PDB file of all heavy atoms in Angstrom:
ATOM      1  N   LYS A   1      49.989 129.486  42.541  1.00  0.00           N
ATOM      2  CA  LYS A   1      49.523 130.221  41.366  1.00  0.00           C
ATOM      3  C   LYS A   1      48.670 129.266  40.545  1.00  0.00           C
ATOM      4  O   LYS A   1      49.055 128.125  40.304  1.00  0.00           O
ATOM      5  CB  LYS A   1      50.724 130.699  40.550  1.00  0.00           C
ATOM      6  CG  LYS A   1      50.397 131.590  39.401  1.00  0.00           C
ATOM      7  CD  LYS A   1      50.040 132.971  39.900  1.00  0.00           C
ATOM      8  CE  LYS A   1      49.789 133.908  38.737  1.00  0.00           C
ATOM      9  NZ  LYS A   1      49.624 135.271  39.183  1.00  0.00           N
ATOM     10  N   THR A   2      47.519 129.728  40.099  1.00  0.00           N
ATOM     11  CA  THR A   2      46.630 128.903  39.289  1.00  0.00           C
ATOM     12  C   THR A   2      46.732 129.320  37.830  1.00  0.00           C
ATOM     13  O   THR A   2      46.696 130.510  37.514  1.00  0.00           O
ATOM     14  CB  THR A   2      45.173 129.034  39.782  1.00  0.00           C
ATOM     15  OG1 THR A   2      45.119 128.622  41.153  1.00  0.00           O
ATOM     16  CG2 THR A   2      44.240 128.164  38.952  1.00  0.00           C
ATOM     17  N   PHE A   3      46.868 128.326  36.966  1.00  0.00           N
ATOM     18  CA  PHE A   3      46.927 128.553  35.527  1.00  0.00           C
ATOM     19  C   PHE A   3      45.866 127.701  34.840  1.00  0.00           C
ATOM     20  O   PHE A   3      45.694 126.529  35.175  1.00  0.00           O
ATOM     21  CB  PHE A   3      48.291 128.162  34.938  1.00  0.00           C
ATOM     22  CG  PHE A   3      49.419 129.029  35.401  1.00  0.00           C
ATOM     23  CD1 PHE A   3      50.293 128.586  36.380  1.00  0.00           C
ATOM     24  CD2 PHE A   3      49.622 130.284  34.849  1.00  0.00           C
ATOM     25  CE1 PHE A   3      51.338 129.366  36.803  1.00  0.00           C
ATOM     26  CE2 PHE A   3      50.678 131.081  35.265  1.00  0.00           C
ATOM     27  CZ  PHE A   3      51.534 130.625  36.241  1.00  0.00           C
ATOM     28  N   ARG A   4      45.185 128.293  33.873  1.00  0.00           N
ATOM     29  CA  ARG A   4      44.247 127.548  33.042  1.00  0.00           C
ATOM     30  C   ARG A   4      45.028 126.930  31.887  1.00  0.00           C
ATOM     31  O   ARG A   4      45.825 127.597  31.237  1.00  0.00           O
ATOM     32  CB  ARG A   4      43.147 128.442  32.498  1.00  0.00           C
ATOM     33  CG  ARG A   4      42.165 127.683  31.586  1.00  0.00           C
ATOM     34  CD  ARG A   4      40.982 128.526  31.168  1.00  0.00           C
ATOM     35  NE  ARG A   4      40.225 129.026  32.314  1.00  0.00           N
ATOM     36  CZ  ARG A   4      39.348 128.303  33.015  1.00  0.00           C
ATOM     37  NH1 ARG A   4      39.114 127.040  32.700  1.00  0.00           N
ATOM     38  NH2 ARG A   4      38.691 128.845  34.019  1.00  0.00           N
ATOM     39  N   ILE A   5      44.777 125.653  31.650  1.00  0.00           N
ATOM     40  CA  ILE A   5      45.391 124.976  30.508  1.00  0.00           C
ATOM     41  C   ILE A   5      44.645 125.419  29.254  1.00  0.00           C
ATOM     42  O   ILE A   5      43.427 125.308  29.167  1.00  0.00           O
ATOM     43  CB  ILE A   5      45.335 123.436  30.673  1.00  0.00           C
ATOM     44  CG1 ILE A   5      46.093 123.011  31.930  1.00  0.00           C
ATOM     45  CG2 ILE A   5      45.868 122.748  29.432  1.00  0.00           C
ATOM     46  CD1 ILE A   5      47.552 123.408  31.962  1.00  0.00           C
ATOM     47  N   ARG A   6      45.378 125.910  28.311  1.00  0.00           N
ATOM     48  CA  ARG A   6      44.808 126.407  27.057  1.00  0.00           C
ATOM     49  C   ARG A   6      45.018 125.385  25.945  1.00  0.00           C
ATOM     50  O   ARG A   6      45.867 124.501  26.051  1.00  0.00           O
ATOM     51  CB  ARG A   6      45.442 127.740  26.692  1.00  0.00           C
ATOM     52  CG  ARG A   6      45.209 128.787  27.773  1.00  0.00           C
ATOM     53  CD  ARG A   6      45.618 130.161  27.325  1.00  0.00           C
ATOM     54  NE  ARG A   6      45.368 131.138  28.367  1.00  0.00           N
ATOM     55  CZ  ARG A   6      44.198 131.713  28.622  1.00  0.00           C
ATOM     56  NH1 ARG A   6      43.153 131.393  27.905  1.00  0.00           N
ATOM     57  NH2 ARG A   6      44.072 132.597  29.583  1.00  0.00           N
ATOM     58  N   HIS A   7      44.261 125.565  24.882  1.00  0.00           N
ATOM     59  CA  HIS A   7      44.368 124.654  23.744  1.00  0.00           C
ATOM     60  C   HIS A   7      45.818 124.576  23.242  1.00  0.00           C
ATOM     61  O   HIS A   7      46.314 123.505  22.910  1.00  0.00           O
ATOM     62  CB  HIS A   7      43.436 125.125  22.620  1.00  0.00           C
ATOM     63  CG  HIS A   7      43.574 124.343  21.364  1.00  0.00           C
ATOM     64  ND1 HIS A   7      43.136 123.039  21.251  1.00  0.00           N
ATOM     65  CD2 HIS A   7      44.117 124.668  20.168  1.00  0.00           C
ATOM     66  CE1 HIS A   7      43.405 122.594  20.038  1.00  0.00           C
ATOM     67  NE2 HIS A   7      43.997 123.568  19.362  1.00  0.00           N
ATOM     68  N   GLY A   8      46.515 125.705  23.224  1.00  0.00           N
ATOM     69  CA  GLY A   8      47.894 125.736  22.752  1.00  0.00           C
ATOM     70  C   GLY A   8      48.875 124.973  23.626  1.00  0.00           C
ATOM     71  O   GLY A   8      50.004 124.704  23.203  1.00  0.00           O
ATOM     72  N   HIS A   9      48.474 124.622  24.852  1.00  0.00           N
ATOM     73  CA  HIS A   9      49.327 123.821  25.723  1.00  0.00           C
ATOM     74  C   HIS A   9      49.262 122.332  25.378  1.00  0.00           C
ATOM     75  O   HIS A   9      50.097 121.556  25.842  1.00  0.00           O
ATOM     76  CB  HIS A   9      48.902 123.969  27.197  1.00  0.00           C
ATOM     77  CG  HIS A   9      49.156 125.315  27.777  1.00  0.00           C
ATOM     78  ND1 HIS A   9      48.159 126.058  28.381  1.00  0.00           N
ATOM     79  CD2 HIS A   9      50.282 126.062  27.856  1.00  0.00           C
ATOM     80  CE1 HIS A   9      48.671 127.196  28.816  1.00  0.00           C
ATOM     81  NE2 HIS A   9      49.959 127.222  28.508  1.00  0.00           N
ATOM     82  N   THR A  10      48.247 121.935  24.600  1.00  0.00           N
ATOM     83  CA  THR A  10      48.001 120.507  24.404  1.00  0.00           C
ATOM     84  C   THR A  10      48.553 120.006  23.074  1.00  0.00           C
ATOM     85  O   THR A  10      48.783 120.762  22.137  1.00  0.00           O
ATOM     86  CB  THR A  10      46.491 120.191  24.491  1.00  0.00           C
ATOM     87  OG1 THR A  10      45.800 120.873  23.449  1.00  0.00           O
ATOM     88  CG2 THR A  10      45.928 120.595  25.842  1.00  0.00           C
ATOM     89  N   ASP A  11      48.728 118.693  23.022  1.00  0.00           N
ATOM     90  CA  ASP A  11      49.205 118.025  21.804  1.00  0.00           C
ATOM     91  C   ASP A  11      48.008 117.380  21.088  1.00  0.00           C
ATOM     92  O   ASP A  11      46.870 117.490  21.557  1.00  0.00           O
ATOM     93  CB  ASP A  11      50.297 117.010  22.147  1.00  0.00           C
ATOM     94  CG  ASP A  11      49.818 115.880  23.054  1.00  0.00           C
ATOM     95  OD1 ASP A  11      48.592 115.670  23.191  1.00  0.00           O
ATOM     96  OD2 ASP A  11      50.674 115.184  23.614  1.00  0.00           O
ATOM     97  N   PRO A  12      48.231 116.710  19.954  1.00  0.00           N
ATOM     98  CA  PRO A  12      47.103 116.097  19.228  1.00  0.00           C
ATOM     99  C   PRO A  12      46.315 115.060  20.037  1.00  0.00           C
ATOM    100  O   PRO A  12      45.166 114.793  19.726  1.00  0.00           O
ATOM    101  CB  PRO A  12      47.770 115.454  18.015  1.00  0.00           C
ATOM    102  CG  PRO A  12      48.975 116.297  17.778  1.00  0.00           C
ATOM    103  CD  PRO A  12      49.461 116.654  19.166  1.00  0.00           C
ATOM    104  N   ALA A  13      46.924 114.522  21.098  1.00  0.00           N
ATOM    105  CA  ALA A  13      46.206 113.567  21.945  1.00  0.00           C
ATOM    106  C   ALA A  13      45.287 114.280  22.944  1.00  0.00           C
ATOM    107  O   ALA A  13      44.529 113.634  23.664  1.00  0.00           O
ATOM    108  CB  ALA A  13      47.191 112.672  22.695  1.00  0.00           C
ATOM    109  N   GLY A  14      45.373 115.624  22.989  1.00  0.00           N
ATOM    110  CA  GLY A  14      44.499 116.384  23.869  1.00  0.00           C
ATOM    111  C   GLY A  14      45.034 116.572  25.275  1.00  0.00           C
ATOM    112  O   GLY A  14      44.320 117.077  26.141  1.00  0.00           O
ATOM    113  N   ILE A  15      46.283 116.160  25.532  1.00  0.00           N
ATOM    114  CA  ILE A  15      46.878 116.350  26.854  1.00  0.00           C
ATOM    115  C   ILE A  15      47.991 117.390  26.754  1.00  0.00           C
ATOM    116  O   ILE A  15      48.494 117.686  25.668  1.00  0.00           O
ATOM    117  CB  ILE A  15      47.409 115.021  27.446  1.00  0.00           C
ATOM    118  CG1 ILE A  15      48.498 114.425  26.558  1.00  0.00           C
ATOM    119  CG2 ILE A  15      46.276 114.034  27.651  1.00  0.00           C
ATOM    120  CD1 ILE A  15      49.172 113.193  27.147  1.00  0.00           C
ATOM    121  N   VAL A  16      48.377 117.939  27.897  1.00  0.00           N
ATOM    122  CA  VAL A  16      49.432 118.952  27.897  1.00  0.00           C
ATOM    123  C   VAL A  16      50.714 118.321  27.375  1.00  0.00           C
ATOM    124  O   VAL A  16      51.159 117.278  27.853  1.00  0.00           O
ATOM    125  CB  VAL A  16      49.646 119.540  29.304  1.00  0.00           C
ATOM    126  CG1 VAL A  16      50.843 120.489  29.315  1.00  0.00           C
ATOM    127  CG2 VAL A  16      48.397 120.267  29.768  1.00  0.00           C
ATOM    128  N   PHE A  17      51.289 118.959  26.352  1.00  0.00           N
ATOM    129  CA  PHE A  17      52.570 118.550  25.786  1.00  0.00           C
ATOM    130  C   PHE A  17      53.635 118.902  26.818  1.00  0.00           C
ATOM    131  O   PHE A  17      53.703 120.038  27.283  1.00  0.00           O
ATOM    132  CB  PHE A  17      52.777 119.290  24.464  1.00  0.00           C
ATOM    133  CG  PHE A  17      54.012 118.931  23.703  1.00  0.00           C
ATOM    134  CD1 PHE A  17      54.414 117.608  23.555  1.00  0.00           C
ATOM    135  CD2 PHE A  17      54.758 119.927  23.106  1.00  0.00           C
ATOM    136  CE1 PHE A  17      55.554 117.294  22.827  1.00  0.00           C
ATOM    137  CE2 PHE A  17      55.890 119.619  22.372  1.00  0.00           C
ATOM    138  CZ  PHE A  17      56.302 118.296  22.240  1.00  0.00           C
ATOM    139  N   TYR A  18      54.470 117.933  27.189  1.00  0.00           N
ATOM    140  CA  TYR A  18      55.331 118.096  28.363  1.00  0.00           C
ATOM    141  C   TYR A  18      56.179 119.374  28.364  1.00  0.00           C
ATOM    142  O   TYR A  18      56.362 119.981  29.428  1.00  0.00           O
ATOM    143  CB  TYR A  18      56.198 116.847  28.597  1.00  0.00           C
ATOM    144  CG  TYR A  18      57.380 116.739  27.690  1.00  0.00           C
ATOM    145  CD1 TYR A  18      58.617 117.247  28.077  1.00  0.00           C
ATOM    146  CD2 TYR A  18      57.285 116.148  26.435  1.00  0.00           C
ATOM    147  CE1 TYR A  18      59.713 117.166  27.236  1.00  0.00           C
ATOM    148  CE2 TYR A  18      58.366 116.065  25.604  1.00  0.00           C
ATOM    149  CZ  TYR A  18      59.588 116.583  26.001  1.00  0.00           C
ATOM    150  OH  TYR A  18      60.663 116.503  25.178  1.00  0.00           O
ATOM    151  N   PRO A  19      56.711 119.879  27.228  1.00  0.00           N
ATOM    152  CA  PRO A  19      57.482 121.135  27.331  1.00  0.00           C
ATOM    153  C   PRO A  19      56.645 122.317  27.808  1.00  0.00           C
ATOM    154  O   PRO A  19      57.175 123.259  28.395  1.00  0.00           O
ATOM    155  CB  PRO A  19      57.976 121.386  25.902  1.00  0.00           C
ATOM    156  CG  PRO A  19      57.921 120.062  25.223  1.00  0.00           C
ATOM    157  CD  PRO A  19      56.769 119.342  25.863  1.00  0.00           C
ATOM    158  N   ARG A  20      55.337 122.259  27.601  1.00  0.00           N
ATOM    159  CA  ARG A  20      54.476 123.354  28.060  1.00  0.00           C
ATOM    160  C   ARG A  20      54.445 123.420  29.582  1.00  0.00           C
ATOM    161  O   ARG A  20      54.251 124.490  30.162  1.00  0.00           O
ATOM    162  CB  ARG A  20      53.058 123.217  27.504  1.00  0.00           C
ATOM    163  CG  ARG A  20      52.980 123.196  26.006  1.00  0.00           C
ATOM    164  CD  ARG A  20      53.444 124.516  25.391  1.00  0.00           C
ATOM    165  NE  ARG A  20      53.459 124.410  23.956  1.00  0.00           N
ATOM    166  CZ  ARG A  20      54.550 124.475  23.205  1.00  0.00           C
ATOM    167  NH1 ARG A  20      55.721 124.690  23.760  1.00  0.00           N
ATOM    168  NH2 ARG A  20      54.480 124.355  21.904  1.00  0.00           N
ATOM    169  N   HIS A  21      54.626 122.265  30.247  1.00  0.00           N
ATOM    170  CA  HIS A  21      54.721 122.278  31.707  1.00  0.00           C
ATOM    171  C   HIS A  21      55.896 123.148  32.145  1.00  0.00           C
ATOM    172  O   HIS A  21      55.802 123.872  33.144  1.00  0.00           O
ATOM    173  CB  HIS A  21      54.896 120.864  32.265  1.00  0.00           C
ATOM    174  CG  HIS A  21      53.657 120.043  32.238  1.00  0.00           C
ATOM    175  ND1 HIS A  21      52.571 120.299  33.042  1.00  0.00           N
ATOM    176  CD2 HIS A  21      53.330 118.951  31.513  1.00  0.00           C
ATOM    177  CE1 HIS A  21      51.630 119.404  32.811  1.00  0.00           C
ATOM    178  NE2 HIS A  21      52.063 118.577  31.881  1.00  0.00           N
ATOM    179  N   TYR A  22      57.002 123.086  31.405  1.00  0.00           N
ATOM    180  CA  TYR A  22      58.167 123.887  31.770  1.00  0.00           C
ATOM    181  C   TYR A  22      57.897 125.381  31.584  1.00  0.00           C
ATOM    182  O   TYR A  22      58.411 126.203  32.342  1.00  0.00           O
ATOM    183  CB  TYR A  22      59.405 123.433  30.992  1.00  0.00           C
ATOM    184  CG  TYR A  22      59.866 122.067  31.435  1.00  0.00           C
ATOM    185  CD1 TYR A  22      59.816 120.986  30.585  1.00  0.00           C
ATOM    186  CD2 TYR A  22      60.331 121.864  32.737  1.00  0.00           C
ATOM    187  CE1 TYR A  22      60.222 119.726  31.010  1.00  0.00           C
ATOM    188  CE2 TYR A  22      60.733 120.609  33.169  1.00  0.00           C
ATOM    189  CZ  TYR A  22      60.674 119.542  32.302  1.00  0.00           C
ATOM    190  OH  TYR A  22      61.073 118.301  32.721  1.00  0.00           O
ATOM    191  N   GLU A  23      57.090 125.735  30.608  1.00  0.00           N
ATOM    192  CA  GLU A  23      56.695 127.139  30.460  1.00  0.00           C
ATOM    193  C   GLU A  23      55.871 127.585  31.667  1.00  0.00           C
ATOM    194  O   GLU A  23      56.044 128.702  32.169  1.00  0.00           O
ATOM    195  CB  GLU A  23      55.895 127.335  29.172  1.00  0.00           C
ATOM    196  CG  GLU A  23      56.720 127.137  27.917  1.00  0.00           C
ATOM    197  CD  GLU A  23      55.884 127.127  26.650  1.00  0.00           C
ATOM    198  OE1 GLU A  23      54.641 127.191  26.731  1.00  0.00           O
ATOM    199  OE2 GLU A  23      56.488 127.055  25.572  1.00  0.00           O
ATOM    200  N   LEU A  24      54.984 126.709  32.147  1.00  0.00           N
ATOM    201  CA  LEU A  24      54.161 127.045  33.313  1.00  0.00           C
ATOM    202  C   LEU A  24      55.004 127.093  34.588  1.00  0.00           C
ATOM    203  O   LEU A  24      54.770 127.938  35.466  1.00  0.00           O
ATOM    204  CB  LEU A  24      53.003 126.058  33.440  1.00  0.00           C
ATOM    205  CG  LEU A  24      51.976 126.148  32.300  1.00  0.00           C
ATOM    206  CD1 LEU A  24      51.028 124.959  32.328  1.00  0.00           C
ATOM    207  CD2 LEU A  24      51.216 127.463  32.353  1.00  0.00           C
ATOM    208  N   ILE A  25      55.983 126.198  34.697  1.00  0.00           N
ATOM    209  CA  ILE A  25      56.910 126.243  35.831  1.00  0.00           C
ATOM    210  C   ILE A  25      57.681 127.557  35.803  1.00  0.00           C
ATOM    211  O   ILE A  25      57.833 128.237  36.821  1.00  0.00           O
ATOM    212  CB  ILE A  25      57.852 125.026  35.819  1.00  0.00           C
ATOM    213  CG1 ILE A  25      57.087 123.752  36.205  1.00  0.00           C
ATOM    214  CG2 ILE A  25      59.047 125.246  36.746  1.00  0.00           C
ATOM    215  CD1 ILE A  25      57.854 122.458  35.980  1.00  0.00           C
ATOM    216  N   SER A  26      58.170 127.942  34.625  1.00  0.00           N
ATOM    217  CA  SER A  26      58.908 129.194  34.493  1.00  0.00           C
ATOM    218  C   SER A  26      58.025 130.381  34.855  1.00  0.00           C
ATOM    219  O   SER A  26      58.467 131.315  35.545  1.00  0.00           O
ATOM    220  CB  SER A  26      59.441 129.335  33.065  1.00  0.00           C
ATOM    221  OG  SER A  26      60.181 130.511  32.928  1.00  0.00           O
ATOM    222  N   ALA A  27      56.777 130.370  34.429  1.00  0.00           N
ATOM    223  CA  ALA A  27      55.843 131.445  34.772  1.00  0.00           C
ATOM    224  C   ALA A  27      55.599 131.491  36.280  1.00  0.00           C
ATOM    225  O   ALA A  27      55.492 132.576  36.868  1.00  0.00           O
ATOM    226  CB  ALA A  27      54.529 131.264  34.023  1.00  0.00           C
ATOM    227  N   THR A  28      55.534 130.324  36.919  1.00  0.00           N
ATOM    228  CA  THR A  28      55.358 130.262  38.371  1.00  0.00           C
ATOM    229  C   THR A  28      56.536 130.926  39.069  1.00  0.00           C
ATOM    230  O   THR A  28      56.360 131.721  40.001  1.00  0.00           O
ATOM    231  CB  THR A  28      55.205 128.800  38.837  1.00  0.00           C
ATOM    232  OG1 THR A  28      54.060 128.220  38.198  1.00  0.00           O
ATOM    233  CG2 THR A  28      55.052 128.713  40.343  1.00  0.00           C
TER     234      THR A  28
END
């Protein structure tokens, strides 16, 4: 499954904030 990383997935450093990975895993 392909997911686009959205602005809301990222932290102030501009990278995916690690809990958002778990949301994407759950969606998968």
